[in-house]
Amino acid sequence: MSASQKSASRVAIKETRVTSDVQRDISYEDEPFKRTPIEVVDAVKMNQLQNLLHDALISTEHVQQCAIVRRKDCSVRASSVGFNLYQDQVQVLLDAFKNPPQTREEGIYFDDRQFKCVRADKTSIYGKCENRGLILVKTLTLLVIATYSDSMYPSVCVEAVEKLADYFKEKGK
């Protein structure tokens, strides 16, 4: 078989997807193995993170809302239903880790509330506002955010979030 016949026998399949109002072209070539588009892998990882959030935090019934955010670009990797975070909000939370003594003094402004800082160090920040609370735990690449309400035990929320963060630290994330 000549080189031109070999190249002619390869079949290129072109698929167009519309995701988030952006058109993306994904190409595959007929090869012994099938390539999985990056989008599919990301969707699977996001689903796994979503399940992890539910199993580790929401199922305790002492976490009201929670999210896992990638620190590098402030993108939300997974969040509980109805917990919408914006990049500027996440950046403010990440900036609170830069100067823990200042954060302890001034507190944290989040979700239209000023939280009094109960603890602030290099990896964890706990805030309280009336009977509500905010827990932030930083890992190598992620930020775990959780809130609790007045009917929940803060200690259970803190323990669950810290354990999840320890899991990510063990995985190098």
C-alpha atoms as a PDB file:
ATOM      1  CA  MET A   1       0.000   0.000   0.000  1.00  0.00           C
ATOM      2  CA  SER A   2       1.431   3.355  -1.015  1.00  0.00           C
ATOM      3  CA  ALA A   3       1.700   6.364   1.268  1.00  0.00           C
ATOM      4  CA  SER A   4      -1.128   8.129  -0.556  1.00  0.00           C
ATOM      5  CA  GLN A   5      -3.393   5.089  -0.121  1.00  0.00           C
ATOM      6  CA  LYS A   6      -2.546   4.914   3.597  1.00  0.00           C
ATOM      7  CA  SER A   7      -3.399   8.559   4.103  1.00  0.00           C
ATOM      8  CA  ALA A   8      -6.569   8.171   2.018  1.00  0.00           C
ATOM      9  CA  SER A   9      -7.644   5.190   4.144  1.00  0.00           C
ATOM     10  CA  ARG A  10      -7.491   7.257   7.335  1.00  0.00           C
ATOM     11  CA  VAL A  11     -10.843   8.741   8.068  1.00  0.00           C
ATOM     12  CA  ALA A  12     -11.090  12.086   9.818  1.00  0.00           C
ATOM     13  CA  ILE A  13     -14.286  12.645  11.718  1.00  0.00           C
ATOM     14  CA  LYS A  14     -15.112  16.206  12.577  1.00  0.00           C
ATOM     15  CA  GLU A  15     -17.673  16.989  15.254  1.00  0.00           C
ATOM     16  CA  THR A  16     -18.984  20.398  16.215  1.00  0.00           C
ATOM     17  CA  ARG A  17     -20.229  21.101  19.729  1.00  0.00           C
ATOM     18  CA  VAL A  18     -21.806  24.178  21.178  1.00  0.00           C
ATOM     19  CA  THR A  19     -20.889  24.648  24.803  1.00  0.00           C
ATOM     20  CA  SER A  20     -21.586  27.831  26.735  1.00  0.00           C
ATOM     21  CA  ASP A  21     -22.454  29.664  23.501  1.00  0.00           C
ATOM     22  CA  VAL A  22     -18.981  28.907  22.101  1.00  0.00           C
ATOM     23  CA  GLN A  23     -18.611  26.656  19.088  1.00  0.00           C
ATOM     24  CA  ARG A  24     -15.774  24.139  19.373  1.00  0.00           C
ATOM     25  CA  ASP A  25     -14.484  21.735  16.741  1.00  0.00           C
ATOM     26  CA  ILE A  26     -13.146  18.412  17.939  1.00  0.00           C
ATOM     27  CA  SER A  27     -11.340  16.149  15.475  1.00  0.00           C
ATOM     28  CA  TYR A  28     -10.656  12.425  15.741  1.00  0.00           C
ATOM     29  CA  GLU A  29      -8.651  10.265  13.410  1.00  0.00           C
ATOM     30  CA  ASP A  30      -9.351   6.594  12.797  1.00  0.00           C
ATOM     31  CA  GLU A  31      -6.670   5.001  14.977  1.00  0.00           C
ATOM     32  CA  PRO A  32      -6.377   1.791  17.019  1.00  0.00           C
ATOM     33  CA  PHE A  33      -7.577   3.681  20.112  1.00  0.00           C
ATOM     34  CA  LYS A  34     -10.293   6.253  20.522  1.00  0.00           C
ATOM     35  CA  ARG A  35      -9.337   9.639  21.938  1.00  0.00           C
ATOM     36  CA  THR A  36     -11.596  11.175  24.527  1.00  0.00           C
ATOM     37  CA  PRO A  37     -12.132  14.908  24.133  1.00  0.00           C
ATOM     38  CA  ILE A  38     -10.837  17.019  27.011  1.00  0.00           C
ATOM     39  CA  GLU A  39     -14.344  18.369  27.584  1.00  0.00           C
ATOM     40  CA  VAL A  40     -15.621  14.884  28.429  1.00  0.00           C
ATOM     41  CA  VAL A  41     -12.764  14.243  30.858  1.00  0.00           C
ATOM     42  CA  ASP A  42     -13.426  17.600  32.565  1.00  0.00           C
ATOM     43  CA  ALA A  43     -17.125  16.795  32.806  1.00  0.00           C
ATOM     44  CA  VAL A  44     -16.345  13.448  34.452  1.00  0.00           C
ATOM     45  CA  LYS A  45     -13.923  15.090  36.904  1.00  0.00           C
ATOM     46  CA  MET A  46     -16.492  17.763  37.703  1.00  0.00           C
ATOM     47  CA  ASN A  47     -19.132  15.103  38.331  1.00  0.00           C
ATOM     48  CA  GLN A  48     -16.719  13.261  40.645  1.00  0.00           C
ATOM     49  CA  LEU A  49     -16.049  16.485  42.560  1.00  0.00           C
ATOM     50  CA  GLN A  50     -19.780  17.135  42.768  1.00  0.00           C
ATOM     51  CA  ASN A  51     -20.309  13.673  44.253  1.00  0.00           C
ATOM     52  CA  LEU A  52     -17.403  14.186  46.641  1.00  0.00           C
ATOM     53  CA  LEU A  53     -18.898  17.480  47.835  1.00  0.00           C
ATOM     54  CA  HIS A  54     -22.215  15.818  48.476  1.00  0.00           C
ATOM     55  CA  ASP A  55     -20.778  12.736  50.195  1.00  0.00           C
ATOM     56  CA  ALA A  56     -18.218  14.564  52.334  1.00  0.00           C
ATOM     57  CA  LEU A  57     -20.066  17.779  53.209  1.00  0.00           C
ATOM     58  CA  ILE A  58     -23.754  18.041  52.356  1.00  0.00           C
ATOM     59  CA  SER A  59     -24.570  14.552  53.668  1.00  0.00           C
ATOM     60  CA  THR A  60     -23.392  15.598  57.160  1.00  0.00           C
ATOM     61  CA  GLU A  61     -26.445  17.900  57.265  1.00  0.00           C
ATOM     62  CA  HIS A  62     -24.236  20.500  58.975  1.00  0.00           C
ATOM     63  CA  VAL A  63     -23.076  22.207  55.771  1.00  0.00           C
ATOM     64  CA  GLN A  64     -25.605  24.514  54.156  1.00  0.00           C
ATOM     65  CA  GLN A  65     -23.729  25.413  50.968  1.00  0.00           C
ATOM     66  CA  CYS A  66     -20.281  24.516  49.676  1.00  0.00           C
ATOM     67  CA  ALA A  67     -17.946  24.767  46.709  1.00  0.00           C
ATOM     68  CA  ILE A  68     -14.552  23.658  45.468  1.00  0.00           C
ATOM     69  CA  VAL A  69     -12.659  26.375  43.620  1.00  0.00           C
ATOM     70  CA  ARG A  70      -9.415  26.169  41.650  1.00  0.00           C
ATOM     71  CA  ARG A  71      -7.146  28.851  43.130  1.00  0.00           C
ATOM     72  CA  LYS A  72      -5.143  29.508  39.966  1.00  0.00           C
ATOM     73  CA  ASP A  73      -8.018  31.017  37.999  1.00  0.00           C
ATOM     74  CA  CYS A  74     -10.786  31.325  40.639  1.00  0.00           C
ATOM     75  CA  SER A  75     -12.976  28.909  38.677  1.00  0.00           C
ATOM     76  CA  VAL A  76     -15.647  26.937  40.498  1.00  0.00           C
ATOM     77  CA  ARG A  77     -14.966  23.231  39.958  1.00  0.00           C
ATOM     78  CA  ALA A  78     -18.044  22.030  41.868  1.00  0.00           C
ATOM     79  CA  SER A  79     -20.683  23.569  44.100  1.00  0.00           C
ATOM     80  CA  SER A  80     -23.835  22.695  45.962  1.00  0.00           C
ATOM     81  CA  VAL A  81     -27.169  23.489  44.357  1.00  0.00           C
ATOM     82  CA  GLY A  82     -27.910  27.214  44.371  1.00  0.00           C
ATOM     83  CA  PHE A  83     -24.464  28.265  45.614  1.00  0.00           C
ATOM     84  CA  ASN A  84     -23.317  30.733  42.974  1.00  0.00           C
ATOM     85  CA  LEU A  85     -19.866  32.230  43.311  1.00  0.00           C
ATOM     86  CA  TYR A  86     -18.265  34.830  41.088  1.00  0.00           C
ATOM     87  CA  GLN A  87     -14.558  35.239  40.378  1.00  0.00           C
ATOM     88  CA  ASP A  88     -14.347  38.570  42.204  1.00  0.00           C
ATOM     89  CA  GLN A  89     -15.940  37.006  45.324  1.00  0.00           C
ATOM     90  CA  VAL A  90     -13.501  34.102  45.207  1.00  0.00           C
ATOM     91  CA  GLN A  91     -10.559  36.481  44.736  1.00  0.00           C
ATOM     92  CA  VAL A  92     -11.586  38.408  47.884  1.00  0.00           C
ATOM     93  CA  LEU A  93     -11.697  35.125  49.839  1.00  0.00           C
ATOM     94  CA  LEU A  94      -8.271  34.092  48.516  1.00  0.00           C
ATOM     95  CA  ASP A  95      -6.825  37.524  49.328  1.00  0.00           C
ATOM     96  CA  ALA A  96      -7.881  37.033  52.955  1.00  0.00           C
ATOM     97  CA  PHE A  97      -5.186  34.329  53.237  1.00  0.00           C
ATOM     98  CA  LYS A  98      -2.418  36.769  52.274  1.00  0.00           C
ATOM     99  CA  ASN A  99      -2.528  38.625  55.589  1.00  0.00           C
ATOM    100  CA  PRO A 100      -4.126  36.517  58.373  1.00  0.00           C
ATOM    101  CA  PRO A 101      -3.601  39.134  61.162  1.00  0.00           C
ATOM    102  CA  GLN A 102      -5.425  41.755  59.094  1.00  0.00           C
ATOM    103  CA  THR A 103      -8.194  39.243  58.310  1.00  0.00           C
ATOM    104  CA  ARG A 104      -8.568  38.516  62.047  1.00  0.00           C
ATOM    105  CA  GLU A 105      -8.948  42.250  62.728  1.00  0.00           C
ATOM    106  CA  GLU A 106     -11.211  43.246  59.841  1.00  0.00           C
ATOM    107  CA  GLY A 107     -13.164  40.046  59.233  1.00  0.00           C
ATOM    108  CA  ILE A 108     -14.429  38.858  55.858  1.00  0.00           C
ATOM    109  CA  TYR A 109     -17.152  40.343  53.689  1.00  0.00           C
ATOM    110  CA  PHE A 110     -19.019  37.569  51.885  1.00  0.00           C
ATOM    111  CA  ASP A 111     -22.556  37.090  50.581  1.00  0.00           C
ATOM    112  CA  ASP A 112     -23.642  40.607  51.599  1.00  0.00           C
ATOM    113  CA  ARG A 113     -22.586  39.992  55.216  1.00  0.00           C
ATOM    114  CA  GLN A 114     -19.612  41.005  57.309  1.00  0.00           C
ATOM    115  CA  PHE A 115     -18.255  37.886  59.023  1.00  0.00           C
ATOM    116  CA  LYS A 116     -16.271  38.300  62.230  1.00  0.00           C
ATOM    117  CA  CYS A 117     -13.105  36.246  61.955  1.00  0.00           C
ATOM    118  CA  VAL A 118     -12.856  33.482  64.546  1.00  0.00           C
ATOM    119  CA  ARG A 119      -9.693  31.886  63.122  1.00  0.00           C
ATOM    120  CA  ALA A 120      -7.259  32.903  60.406  1.00  0.00           C
ATOM    121  CA  ASP A 121      -3.973  31.228  59.539  1.00  0.00           C
ATOM    122  CA  LYS A 122      -2.117  30.180  56.379  1.00  0.00           C
ATOM    123  CA  THR A 123      -4.577  27.402  55.474  1.00  0.00           C
ATOM    124  CA  SER A 124      -7.873  28.006  57.308  1.00  0.00           C
ATOM    125  CA  ILE A 125     -10.221  30.911  57.918  1.00  0.00           C
ATOM    126  CA  TYR A 126     -13.407  30.650  59.978  1.00  0.00           C
ATOM    127  CA  GLY A 127     -15.937  33.454  60.093  1.00  0.00           C
ATOM    128  CA  LYS A 128     -19.155  34.020  62.028  1.00  0.00           C
ATOM    129  CA  CYS A 129     -22.044  36.417  61.415  1.00  0.00           C
ATOM    130  CA  GLU A 130     -24.962  36.209  63.838  1.00  0.00           C
ATOM    131  CA  ASN A 131     -25.905  32.503  63.745  1.00  0.00           C
ATOM    132  CA  ARG A 132     -24.302  31.776  60.375  1.00  0.00           C
ATOM    133  CA  GLY A 133     -20.761  30.783  59.563  1.00  0.00           C
ATOM    134  CA  LEU A 134     -18.205  30.617  56.771  1.00  0.00           C
ATOM    135  CA  ILE A 135     -15.377  28.071  56.574  1.00  0.00           C
ATOM    136  CA  LEU A 136     -12.500  28.472  54.096  1.00  0.00           C
ATOM    137  CA  VAL A 137      -9.696  25.931  53.772  1.00  0.00           C
ATOM    138  CA  LYS A 138      -6.877  26.313  51.264  1.00  0.00           C
ATOM    139  CA  THR A 139      -4.936  23.403  49.742  1.00  0.00           C
ATOM    140  CA  LEU A 140      -2.112  23.416  47.212  1.00  0.00           C
ATOM    141  CA  THR A 141      -4.378  24.107  44.208  1.00  0.00           C
ATOM    142  CA  LEU A 142      -7.910  24.364  45.610  1.00  0.00           C
ATOM    143  CA  LEU A 143     -10.051  26.378  47.998  1.00  0.00           C
ATOM    144  CA  VAL A 144     -12.864  24.602  49.835  1.00  0.00           C
ATOM    145  CA  ILE A 145     -15.689  26.950  50.852  1.00  0.00           C
ATOM    146  CA  ALA A 146     -18.579  26.000  53.136  1.00  0.00           C
ATOM    147  CA  THR A 147     -21.320  27.789  55.026  1.00  0.00           C
ATOM    148  CA  TYR A 148     -23.530  26.696  57.904  1.00  0.00           C
ATOM    149  CA  SER A 149     -26.733  28.097  59.388  1.00  0.00           C
ATOM    150  CA  ASP A 150     -28.042  28.539  62.930  1.00  0.00           C
ATOM    151  CA  SER A 151     -29.616  25.054  63.039  1.00  0.00           C
ATOM    152  CA  MET A 152     -26.274  23.355  62.290  1.00  0.00           C
ATOM    153  CA  TYR A 153     -23.300  22.552  64.502  1.00  0.00           C
ATOM    154  CA  PRO A 154     -20.251  24.648  63.502  1.00  0.00           C
ATOM    155  CA  SER A 155     -17.826  22.022  64.831  1.00  0.00           C
ATOM    156  CA  VAL A 156     -19.256  19.324  62.535  1.00  0.00           C
ATOM    157  CA  CYS A 157     -19.049  21.672  59.541  1.00  0.00           C
ATOM    158  CA  VAL A 158     -15.427  22.576  60.364  1.00  0.00           C
ATOM    159  CA  GLU A 159     -14.427  18.946  60.833  1.00  0.00           C
ATOM    160  CA  ALA A 160     -16.008  17.854  57.538  1.00  0.00           C
ATOM    161  CA  VAL A 161     -14.394  20.691  55.548  1.00  0.00           C
ATOM    162  CA  GLU A 162     -10.964  20.161  57.135  1.00  0.00           C
ATOM    163  CA  LYS A 163     -11.132  16.409  56.419  1.00  0.00           C
ATOM    164  CA  LEU A 164     -12.027  17.046  52.780  1.00  0.00           C
ATOM    165  CA  ALA A 165      -9.143  19.515  52.515  1.00  0.00           C
ATOM    166  CA  ASP A 166      -6.785  16.940  54.085  1.00  0.00           C
ATOM    167  CA  TYR A 167      -7.913  14.434  51.449  1.00  0.00           C
ATOM    168  CA  PHE A 168      -7.021  16.902  48.673  1.00  0.00           C
ATOM    169  CA  LYS A 169      -3.673  17.674  50.351  1.00  0.00           C
ATOM    170  CA  GLU A 170      -2.839  13.942  50.440  1.00  0.00           C
ATOM    171  CA  LYS A 171      -3.628  13.764  46.721  1.00  0.00           C
ATOM    172  CA  GLY A 172      -1.345  16.744  46.051  1.00  0.00           C
ATOM    173  CA  LYS A 173      -4.193  19.003  44.954  1.00  0.00           C
END
